[in-house]
Amino acid sequence: MITIKFGGSVINDLHPSALNDIKNLAINEKLVIVHGGGNEVTSVATKLGKEQKFIVSPGGIRSRLTDKETVEIYTMVMSGKVNKQIVQWLVQGGLKAVGISGIDSGLIRATRKSKLTVINDKGRKMIIDGGYTGKIKSVQSDLLKVLMGEGYLPVVSPIALGEDYEYLNVDGDRAAAYVAGSLRADKILFITDVGGLMEDDIVLRNLNLNEAKLMLPKIGFGMEKKVLACTEALMMGTKEAIISSGRISNPISNAIAHNEGTLISN
């Protein structure tokens, strides 16, 4: 069983071979796709006149500041526009794709963060209201198992259900990690717009879990969440995590074969 996370920045820029690559893989493997789409959320929110703000945690993790209006736009764009575009693309390729969100059947449950510690423009820590940002608590994967058991390919948008059943914005990479962990996936793939985790402009091909953890404070925005998600998936029982480019020929099978990208394993 393989979990694939498509980053929002690569969804519309995948190599033309990607669709057939997924189709071939689905013949013998059960697959779940989790997607991002933060850039599209920002674009739509801006058109609607809702300015988007971003914050940085003391650990260097960058995220969206999510108030009530923003979480509604986030849900609309992620579970509507982006999710259905991906499902349309997969169905066009002959796959039985089904688009769902973390809300459906209580798939992704999260705890609303009442307060957030952030680093301000002067480099100082400050406490702000957490808004509608969630910390993932659990993934109830029964629905995914039913769909896969009937030959469907679930495509999941990363919206979580809070303790008061409110919509919560959760990070797509970490949502994918929790989905993979819940399913005891053999592999999790993070398909992005770069060739893998880089150091001095060179792709690091192999890391173990401890090496990845030690590198986290030194990794830049965007990639830091993917590496963190890799470590979380591994600690939840996934055998290996791979970060690789979606812009190369046969991006999925090449990543699985360890021909491309960064492999992080136990």
C-alpha atoms as a PDB file:
ATOM      1  CA  MET A   1       0.000   0.000   0.000  1.00  0.00           C
ATOM      2  CA  ILE A   2       1.396   3.399  -1.043  1.00  0.00           C
ATOM      3  CA  THR A   3       0.397   6.916   0.004  1.00  0.00           C
ATOM      4  CA  ILE A   4       1.234   9.668  -2.471  1.00  0.00           C
ATOM      5  CA  LYS A   5       1.248  13.346  -1.542  1.00  0.00           C
ATOM      6  CA  PHE A   6       1.134  15.830  -4.402  1.00  0.00           C
ATOM      7  CA  GLY A   7       2.309  19.308  -3.468  1.00  0.00           C
ATOM      8  CA  GLY A   8       0.116  22.182  -4.586  1.00  0.00           C
ATOM      9  CA  SER A   9       2.944  23.743  -6.597  1.00  0.00           C
ATOM     10  CA  VAL A  10       3.413  20.639  -8.760  1.00  0.00           C
ATOM     11  CA  ILE A  11      -0.197  19.565  -9.388  1.00  0.00           C
ATOM     12  CA  ASN A  12      -0.505  21.512 -12.638  1.00  0.00           C
ATOM     13  CA  ASP A  13       3.077  20.892 -13.695  1.00  0.00           C
ATOM     14  CA  LEU A  14       3.447  17.106 -13.537  1.00  0.00           C
ATOM     15  CA  HIS A  15       5.332  15.325 -16.300  1.00  0.00           C
ATOM     16  CA  PRO A  16       2.907  14.099 -19.023  1.00  0.00           C
ATOM     17  CA  SER A  17       3.875  10.497 -18.180  1.00  0.00           C
ATOM     18  CA  ALA A  18       2.647  10.833 -14.576  1.00  0.00           C
ATOM     19  CA  LEU A  19      -0.943   9.796 -15.273  1.00  0.00           C
ATOM     20  CA  ASN A  20      -0.016   6.572 -17.057  1.00  0.00           C
ATOM     21  CA  ASP A  21       2.606   5.960 -14.374  1.00  0.00           C
ATOM     22  CA  ILE A  22      -0.067   6.073 -11.652  1.00  0.00           C
ATOM     23  CA  LYS A  23      -2.395   3.914 -13.753  1.00  0.00           C
ATOM     24  CA  ASN A  24       0.263   1.207 -14.137  1.00  0.00           C
ATOM     25  CA  LEU A  25       1.105   1.322 -10.449  1.00  0.00           C
ATOM     26  CA  ALA A  26      -2.575   0.986  -9.485  1.00  0.00           C
ATOM     27  CA  ILE A  27      -2.804  -2.396 -11.267  1.00  0.00           C
ATOM     28  CA  ASN A  28      -0.894  -4.134  -8.471  1.00  0.00           C
ATOM     29  CA  GLU A  29      -0.869  -1.603  -5.614  1.00  0.00           C
ATOM     30  CA  LYS A  30      -3.499  -0.015  -3.418  1.00  0.00           C
ATOM     31  CA  LEU A  31      -3.026   3.755  -3.541  1.00  0.00           C
ATOM     32  CA  VAL A  32      -4.220   6.799  -1.622  1.00  0.00           C
ATOM     33  CA  ILE A  33      -3.489  10.320  -2.848  1.00  0.00           C
ATOM     34  CA  VAL A  34      -3.366  13.308  -0.510  1.00  0.00           C
ATOM     35  CA  HIS A  35      -2.988  16.723  -2.128  1.00  0.00           C
ATOM     36  CA  GLY A  36      -1.997  20.259  -1.305  1.00  0.00           C
ATOM     37  CA  GLY A  37      -3.066  23.442  -3.036  1.00  0.00           C
ATOM     38  CA  GLY A  38      -2.078  26.324  -0.796  1.00  0.00           C
ATOM     39  CA  ASN A  39      -1.112  28.575  -3.714  1.00  0.00           C
ATOM     40  CA  GLU A  40      -4.574  28.160  -5.226  1.00  0.00           C
ATOM     41  CA  VAL A  41      -6.147  28.989  -1.850  1.00  0.00           C
ATOM     42  CA  THR A  42      -4.076  32.178  -1.692  1.00  0.00           C
ATOM     43  CA  SER A  43      -5.022  33.098  -5.266  1.00  0.00           C
ATOM     44  CA  VAL A  44      -8.762  32.628  -4.734  1.00  0.00           C
ATOM     45  CA  ALA A  45      -8.696  34.360  -1.327  1.00  0.00           C
ATOM     46  CA  THR A  46      -6.915  37.348  -2.863  1.00  0.00           C
ATOM     47  CA  LYS A  47      -9.529  37.563  -5.639  1.00  0.00           C
ATOM     48  CA  LEU A  48     -12.210  37.537  -2.958  1.00  0.00           C
ATOM     49  CA  GLY A  49     -10.464  40.405  -1.175  1.00  0.00           C
ATOM     50  CA  LYS A  50      -9.265  38.324   1.774  1.00  0.00           C
ATOM     51  CA  GLU A  51      -5.594  39.035   2.484  1.00  0.00           C
ATOM     52  CA  GLN A  52      -3.638  35.918   3.466  1.00  0.00           C
ATOM     53  CA  LYS A  53      -1.112  36.071   6.278  1.00  0.00           C
ATOM     54  CA  PHE A  54       1.613  33.567   7.091  1.00  0.00           C
ATOM     55  CA  ILE A  55       3.437  32.863  10.335  1.00  0.00           C
ATOM     56  CA  VAL A  56       6.676  31.144  11.325  1.00  0.00           C
ATOM     57  CA  SER A  57       6.980  28.938  14.418  1.00  0.00           C
ATOM     58  CA  PRO A  58      10.068  28.938  16.681  1.00  0.00           C
ATOM     59  CA  GLY A  59      11.016  25.656  14.984  1.00  0.00           C
ATOM     60  CA  GLY A  60      11.056  27.352  11.574  1.00  0.00           C
ATOM     61  CA  ILE A  61       7.766  25.902  10.292  1.00  0.00           C
ATOM     62  CA  ARG A  62       5.857  28.339   8.048  1.00  0.00           C
ATOM     63  CA  SER A  63       2.068  28.110   7.972  1.00  0.00           C
ATOM     64  CA  ARG A  64      -1.095  30.005   7.062  1.00  0.00           C
ATOM     65  CA  LEU A  65      -2.796  32.140   9.705  1.00  0.00           C
ATOM     66  CA  THR A  66      -6.345  30.809   9.527  1.00  0.00           C
ATOM     67  CA  ASP A  67      -9.323  32.790  10.785  1.00  0.00           C
ATOM     68  CA  LYS A  68     -13.003  31.819  10.286  1.00  0.00           C
ATOM     69  CA  GLU A  69     -13.295  33.364   6.820  1.00  0.00           C
ATOM     70  CA  THR A  70      -9.993  31.882   5.675  1.00  0.00           C
ATOM     71  CA  VAL A  71     -10.858  28.339   6.781  1.00  0.00           C
ATOM     72  CA  GLU A  72     -14.109  28.588   4.782  1.00  0.00           C
ATOM     73  CA  ILE A  73     -12.193  29.666   1.666  1.00  0.00           C
ATOM     74  CA  TYR A  74      -9.565  26.989   2.341  1.00  0.00           C
ATOM     75  CA  THR A  75     -12.240  24.285   2.565  1.00  0.00           C
ATOM     76  CA  MET A  76     -14.011  25.514  -0.553  1.00  0.00           C
ATOM     77  CA  VAL A  77     -10.878  25.617  -2.696  1.00  0.00           C
ATOM     78  CA  MET A  78      -9.170  22.471  -1.396  1.00  0.00           C
ATOM     79  CA  SER A  79     -12.190  20.178  -1.270  1.00  0.00           C
ATOM     80  CA  GLY A  80     -13.904  21.748  -4.266  1.00  0.00           C
ATOM     81  CA  LYS A  81     -11.724  23.156  -7.001  1.00  0.00           C
ATOM     82  CA  VAL A  82      -8.366  21.462  -6.389  1.00  0.00           C
ATOM     83  CA  ASN A  83      -9.704  18.067  -5.316  1.00  0.00           C
ATOM     84  CA  LYS A  84     -12.093  17.771  -8.251  1.00  0.00           C
ATOM     85  CA  GLN A  85      -9.466  18.865 -10.766  1.00  0.00           C
ATOM     86  CA  ILE A  86      -7.246  15.993  -9.617  1.00  0.00           C
ATOM     87  CA  VAL A  87     -10.140  13.507  -9.653  1.00  0.00           C
ATOM     88  CA  GLN A  88     -11.103  14.670 -13.156  1.00  0.00           C
ATOM     89  CA  TRP A  89      -7.518  14.154 -14.335  1.00  0.00           C
ATOM     90  CA  LEU A  90      -7.334  10.652 -12.868  1.00  0.00           C
ATOM     91  CA  VAL A  91     -10.764   9.576 -14.173  1.00  0.00           C
ATOM     92  CA  GLN A  92      -9.787  10.853 -17.611  1.00  0.00           C
ATOM     93  CA  GLY A  93      -6.857   8.434 -17.424  1.00  0.00           C
ATOM     94  CA  GLY A  94      -9.136   5.490 -16.696  1.00  0.00           C
ATOM     95  CA  LEU A  95      -8.752   5.371 -12.907  1.00  0.00           C
ATOM     96  CA  LYS A  96     -11.679   4.966 -10.496  1.00  0.00           C
ATOM     97  CA  ALA A  97     -10.773   8.038  -8.464  1.00  0.00           C
ATOM     98  CA  VAL A  98     -13.035   9.324  -5.686  1.00  0.00           C
ATOM     99  CA  GLY A  99     -12.505  12.743  -4.121  1.00  0.00           C
ATOM    100  CA  ILE A 100     -13.092  13.055  -0.388  1.00  0.00           C
ATOM    101  CA  SER A 101     -11.964  15.366   2.390  1.00  0.00           C
ATOM    102  CA  GLY A 102     -10.753  14.805   5.903  1.00  0.00           C
ATOM    103  CA  ILE A 103     -14.281  15.764   6.997  1.00  0.00           C
ATOM    104  CA  ASP A 104     -15.927  12.761   5.318  1.00  0.00           C
ATOM    105  CA  SER A 105     -16.729  10.037   7.844  1.00  0.00           C
ATOM    106  CA  GLY A 106     -14.541  11.940  10.334  1.00  0.00           C
ATOM    107  CA  LEU A 107     -11.477  10.777   8.427  1.00  0.00           C
ATOM    108  CA  ILE A 108      -9.025  13.332   9.873  1.00  0.00           C
ATOM    109  CA  ARG A 109      -9.666  14.527  13.428  1.00  0.00           C
ATOM    110  CA  ALA A 110      -7.683  17.380  14.909  1.00  0.00           C
ATOM    111  CA  THR A 111      -7.453  19.554  18.000  1.00  0.00           C
ATOM    112  CA  ARG A 112      -7.894  23.269  17.464  1.00  0.00           C
ATOM    113  CA  LYS A 113      -4.825  25.224  18.517  1.00  0.00           C
ATOM    114  CA  SER A 114      -6.054  27.878  20.940  1.00  0.00           C
ATOM    115  CA  LYS A 115      -2.734  29.732  20.936  1.00  0.00           C
ATOM    116  CA  LEU A 116       0.245  29.789  18.589  1.00  0.00           C
ATOM    117  CA  THR A 117       3.816  30.785  19.405  1.00  0.00           C
ATOM    118  CA  VAL A 118       5.313  32.630  16.442  1.00  0.00           C
ATOM    119  CA  ILE A 119       8.430  34.578  15.548  1.00  0.00           C
ATOM    120  CA  ASN A 120       7.685  38.201  14.656  1.00  0.00           C
ATOM    121  CA  ASP A 121       9.487  40.423  12.145  1.00  0.00           C
ATOM    122  CA  LYS A 122      12.045  41.363  14.805  1.00  0.00           C
ATOM    123  CA  GLY A 123      12.900  37.732  15.535  1.00  0.00           C
ATOM    124  CA  ARG A 124      11.096  37.687  18.865  1.00  0.00           C
ATOM    125  CA  LYS A 125       8.609  35.119  20.126  1.00  0.00           C
ATOM    126  CA  MET A 126       5.011  36.176  20.569  1.00  0.00           C
ATOM    127  CA  ILE A 127       1.728  34.434  21.369  1.00  0.00           C
ATOM    128  CA  ILE A 128      -1.255  34.860  19.025  1.00  0.00           C
ATOM    129  CA  ASP A 129      -4.735  33.365  18.729  1.00  0.00           C
ATOM    130  CA  GLY A 130      -4.677  29.996  16.996  1.00  0.00           C
ATOM    131  CA  GLY A 131      -7.755  30.645  14.865  1.00  0.00           C
ATOM    132  CA  TYR A 132      -8.843  27.580  12.897  1.00  0.00           C
ATOM    133  CA  THR A 133      -5.512  25.819  12.691  1.00  0.00           C
ATOM    134  CA  GLY A 134      -5.503  22.201  13.819  1.00  0.00           C
ATOM    135  CA  LYS A 135      -3.055  19.694  15.228  1.00  0.00           C
ATOM    136  CA  ILE A 136      -3.875  16.265  13.814  1.00  0.00           C
ATOM    137  CA  LYS A 137      -4.994  13.854  16.498  1.00  0.00           C
ATOM    138  CA  SER A 138      -6.008  10.772  14.510  1.00  0.00           C
ATOM    139  CA  VAL A 139      -6.960   9.330  11.136  1.00  0.00           C
ATOM    140  CA  GLN A 140      -9.872   6.899  10.974  1.00  0.00           C
ATOM    141  CA  SER A 141      -8.944   4.999   7.838  1.00  0.00           C
ATOM    142  CA  ASP A 142     -11.971   2.660   7.570  1.00  0.00           C
ATOM    143  CA  LEU A 143     -13.488   4.634   4.683  1.00  0.00           C
ATOM    144  CA  LEU A 144     -10.188   4.543   2.784  1.00  0.00           C
ATOM    145  CA  LYS A 145      -9.955   0.778   3.260  1.00  0.00           C
ATOM    146  CA  VAL A 146     -13.520   0.281   2.002  1.00  0.00           C
ATOM    147  CA  LEU A 147     -12.883   2.391  -1.091  1.00  0.00           C
ATOM    148  CA  MET A 148      -9.564   0.694  -1.884  1.00  0.00           C
ATOM    149  CA  GLY A 149     -11.117  -2.716  -1.259  1.00  0.00           C
ATOM    150  CA  GLU A 150     -13.680  -1.967  -3.975  1.00  0.00           C
ATOM    151  CA  GLY A 151     -10.988  -0.862  -6.412  1.00  0.00           C
ATOM    152  CA  TYR A 152     -11.336   2.900  -5.977  1.00  0.00           C
ATOM    153  CA  LEU A 153      -8.495   5.399  -5.658  1.00  0.00           C
ATOM    154  CA  PRO A 154      -9.233   7.859  -2.811  1.00  0.00           C
ATOM    155  CA  VAL A 155      -8.060  11.451  -3.301  1.00  0.00           C
ATOM    156  CA  VAL A 156      -8.019  13.286   0.033  1.00  0.00           C
ATOM    157  CA  SER A 157      -8.050  17.026   0.670  1.00  0.00           C
ATOM    158  CA  PRO A 158      -6.419  17.990   4.000  1.00  0.00           C
ATOM    159  CA  ILE A 159      -9.329  19.487   5.928  1.00  0.00           C
ATOM    160  CA  ALA A 160      -9.773  18.173   9.468  1.00  0.00           C
ATOM    161  CA  LEU A 161     -12.750  17.976  11.785  1.00  0.00           C
ATOM    162  CA  GLY A 162     -12.229  19.601  15.178  1.00  0.00           C
ATOM    163  CA  GLU A 163     -13.494  18.509  18.578  1.00  0.00           C
ATOM    164  CA  ASP A 164     -16.525  20.789  18.137  1.00  0.00           C
ATOM    165  CA  TYR A 165     -16.952  19.529  14.554  1.00  0.00           C
ATOM    166  CA  GLU A 166     -15.556  22.725  13.067  1.00  0.00           C
ATOM    167  CA  TYR A 167     -13.437  22.794   9.899  1.00  0.00           C
ATOM    168  CA  LEU A 168      -9.712  23.034  10.650  1.00  0.00           C
ATOM    169  CA  ASN A 169      -6.793  23.802   8.384  1.00  0.00           C
ATOM    170  CA  VAL A 170      -4.102  21.127   8.756  1.00  0.00           C
ATOM    171  CA  ASP A 171      -0.852  20.808   6.853  1.00  0.00           C
ATOM    172  CA  GLY A 172      -1.143  18.579   3.767  1.00  0.00           C
ATOM    173  CA  ASP A 173       2.232  16.908   4.195  1.00  0.00           C
ATOM    174  CA  ARG A 174       1.521  15.965   7.788  1.00  0.00           C
ATOM    175  CA  ALA A 175      -2.006  14.843   6.874  1.00  0.00           C
ATOM    176  CA  ALA A 176      -0.428  12.491   4.325  1.00  0.00           C
ATOM    177  CA  ALA A 177       1.953  11.186   6.992  1.00  0.00           C
ATOM    178  CA  TYR A 178      -0.931  10.413   9.359  1.00  0.00           C
ATOM    179  CA  VAL A 179      -2.908   8.736   6.567  1.00  0.00           C
ATOM    180  CA  ALA A 180       0.112   6.584   5.715  1.00  0.00           C
ATOM    181  CA  GLY A 181       0.657   5.752   9.378  1.00  0.00           C
ATOM    182  CA  SER A 182      -2.979   4.816   9.924  1.00  0.00           C
ATOM    183  CA  LEU A 183      -2.924   2.516   6.894  1.00  0.00           C
ATOM    184  CA  ARG A 184       0.488   1.066   7.788  1.00  0.00           C
ATOM    185  CA  ALA A 185       1.596   2.012   4.275  1.00  0.00           C
ATOM    186  CA  ASP A 186       4.720   0.413   2.879  1.00  0.00           C
ATOM    187  CA  LYS A 187       5.798   3.712   1.338  1.00  0.00           C
ATOM    188  CA  ILE A 188       4.893   7.373   1.339  1.00  0.00           C
ATOM    189  CA  LEU A 189       5.902   9.547  -1.607  1.00  0.00           C
ATOM    190  CA  PHE A 190       6.084  13.333  -1.504  1.00  0.00           C
ATOM    191  CA  ILE A 191       5.951  14.469  -5.119  1.00  0.00           C
ATOM    192  CA  THR A 192       7.130  18.048  -5.327  1.00  0.00           C
ATOM    193  CA  ASP A 193       8.718  20.552  -7.726  1.00  0.00           C
ATOM    194  CA  VAL A 194      12.337  19.815  -6.778  1.00  0.00           C
ATOM    195  CA  GLY A 195      14.516  16.718  -7.041  1.00  0.00           C
ATOM    196  CA  GLY A 196      14.576  15.980  -3.300  1.00  0.00           C
ATOM    197  CA  LEU A 197      16.167  17.274  -0.123  1.00  0.00           C
ATOM    198  CA  MET A 198      19.231  19.268  -1.144  1.00  0.00           C
ATOM    199  CA  GLU A 199      22.432  20.246   0.617  1.00  0.00           C
ATOM    200  CA  ASP A 200      24.888  22.563  -1.146  1.00  0.00           C
ATOM    201  CA  ASP A 201      22.819  22.184  -4.354  1.00  0.00           C
ATOM    202  CA  ILE A 202      23.217  18.399  -4.296  1.00  0.00           C
ATOM    203  CA  VAL A 203      20.298  16.023  -3.762  1.00  0.00           C
ATOM    204  CA  LEU A 204      20.815  13.845  -0.690  1.00  0.00           C
ATOM    205  CA  ARG A 205      19.910  10.360  -1.895  1.00  0.00           C
ATOM    206  CA  ASN A 206      19.721   8.429   1.383  1.00  0.00           C
ATOM    207  CA  LEU A 207      19.071   9.392   4.991  1.00  0.00           C
ATOM    208  CA  ASN A 208      18.065   7.401   8.020  1.00  0.00           C
ATOM    209  CA  LEU A 209      15.427   8.627  10.449  1.00  0.00           C
ATOM    210  CA  ASN A 210      17.880  10.104  12.958  1.00  0.00           C
ATOM    211  CA  GLU A 211      19.843  11.933  10.251  1.00  0.00           C
ATOM    212  CA  ALA A 212      16.618  13.462   8.936  1.00  0.00           C
ATOM    213  CA  LYS A 213      15.612  14.626  12.417  1.00  0.00           C
ATOM    214  CA  LEU A 214      18.994  16.260  12.960  1.00  0.00           C
ATOM    215  CA  MET A 215      18.711  18.124   9.641  1.00  0.00           C
ATOM    216  CA  LEU A 216      15.277  19.612  10.360  1.00  0.00           C
ATOM    217  CA  PRO A 217      16.435  22.900  11.958  1.00  0.00           C
ATOM    218  CA  LYS A 218      18.656  23.622   8.942  1.00  0.00           C
ATOM    219  CA  ILE A 219      16.033  23.065   6.211  1.00  0.00           C
ATOM    220  CA  GLY A 220      14.291  25.975   4.462  1.00  0.00           C
ATOM    221  CA  PHE A 221      10.591  26.799   4.168  1.00  0.00           C
ATOM    222  CA  GLY A 222       8.492  24.255   2.305  1.00  0.00           C
ATOM    223  CA  MET A 223      10.893  21.354   2.463  1.00  0.00           C
ATOM    224  CA  GLU A 224      11.018  21.398   6.268  1.00  0.00           C
ATOM    225  CA  LYS A 225       7.398  20.227   6.466  1.00  0.00           C
ATOM    226  CA  LYS A 226       8.019  17.394   4.036  1.00  0.00           C
ATOM    227  CA  VAL A 227      11.003  16.098   5.990  1.00  0.00           C
ATOM    228  CA  LEU A 228       9.079  16.440   9.263  1.00  0.00           C
ATOM    229  CA  ALA A 229       6.182  14.519   7.705  1.00  0.00           C
ATOM    230  CA  CYS A 230       8.596  11.831   6.516  1.00  0.00           C
ATOM    231  CA  THR A 231       9.901  11.333  10.049  1.00  0.00           C
ATOM    232  CA  GLU A 232       6.349  11.209  11.456  1.00  0.00           C
ATOM    233  CA  ALA A 233       5.239   8.603   8.906  1.00  0.00           C
ATOM    234  CA  LEU A 234       8.278   6.440   9.663  1.00  0.00           C
ATOM    235  CA  MET A 235       7.662   6.650  13.398  1.00  0.00           C
ATOM    236  CA  MET A 236       4.066   5.524  12.787  1.00  0.00           C
ATOM    237  CA  GLY A 237       5.197   2.391  10.976  1.00  0.00           C
ATOM    238  CA  THR A 238       5.635   3.340   7.323  1.00  0.00           C
ATOM    239  CA  LYS A 239       8.708   1.543   5.997  1.00  0.00           C
ATOM    240  CA  GLU A 240      10.152   4.285   3.812  1.00  0.00           C
ATOM    241  CA  ALA A 241       9.512   7.871   2.776  1.00  0.00           C
ATOM    242  CA  ILE A 242      10.628   9.407  -0.514  1.00  0.00           C
ATOM    243  CA  ILE A 243      10.766  13.043  -1.612  1.00  0.00           C
ATOM    244  CA  SER A 244      11.069  13.397  -5.382  1.00  0.00           C
ATOM    245  CA  SER A 245      10.229  15.577  -8.372  1.00  0.00           C
ATOM    246  CA  GLY A 246       6.987  15.339 -10.310  1.00  0.00           C
ATOM    247  CA  ARG A 247       8.593  16.962 -13.340  1.00  0.00           C
ATOM    248  CA  ILE A 248      10.643  13.947 -14.421  1.00  0.00           C
ATOM    249  CA  SER A 249       9.563  11.092 -16.680  1.00  0.00           C
ATOM    250  CA  ASN A 250       7.552   8.414 -14.832  1.00  0.00           C
ATOM    251  CA  PRO A 251       7.928  10.305 -11.543  1.00  0.00           C
ATOM    252  CA  ILE A 252       6.107   7.787  -9.332  1.00  0.00           C
ATOM    253  CA  SER A 253       7.767   4.573 -10.492  1.00  0.00           C
ATOM    254  CA  ASN A 254      11.199   6.203 -10.595  1.00  0.00           C
ATOM    255  CA  ALA A 255      10.798   7.394  -7.006  1.00  0.00           C
ATOM    256  CA  ILE A 256       9.620   3.965  -5.849  1.00  0.00           C
ATOM    257  CA  ALA A 257      12.574   2.308  -7.584  1.00  0.00           C
ATOM    258  CA  HIS A 258      14.921   4.765  -5.790  1.00  0.00           C
ATOM    259  CA  ASN A 259      16.170   6.052  -9.142  1.00  0.00           C
ATOM    260  CA  GLU A 260      15.307   9.622  -8.160  1.00  0.00           C
ATOM    261  CA  GLY A 261      14.796  11.739  -5.070  1.00  0.00           C
ATOM    262  CA  THR A 262      15.686  11.412  -1.399  1.00  0.00           C
ATOM    263  CA  LEU A 263      14.961   8.177   0.439  1.00  0.00           C
ATOM    264  CA  ILE A 264      14.446   8.393   4.217  1.00  0.00           C
ATOM    265  CA  SER A 265      14.113   5.090   6.024  1.00  0.00           C
ATOM    266  CA  ASN A 266      14.441   3.443   9.408  1.00  0.00           C
END
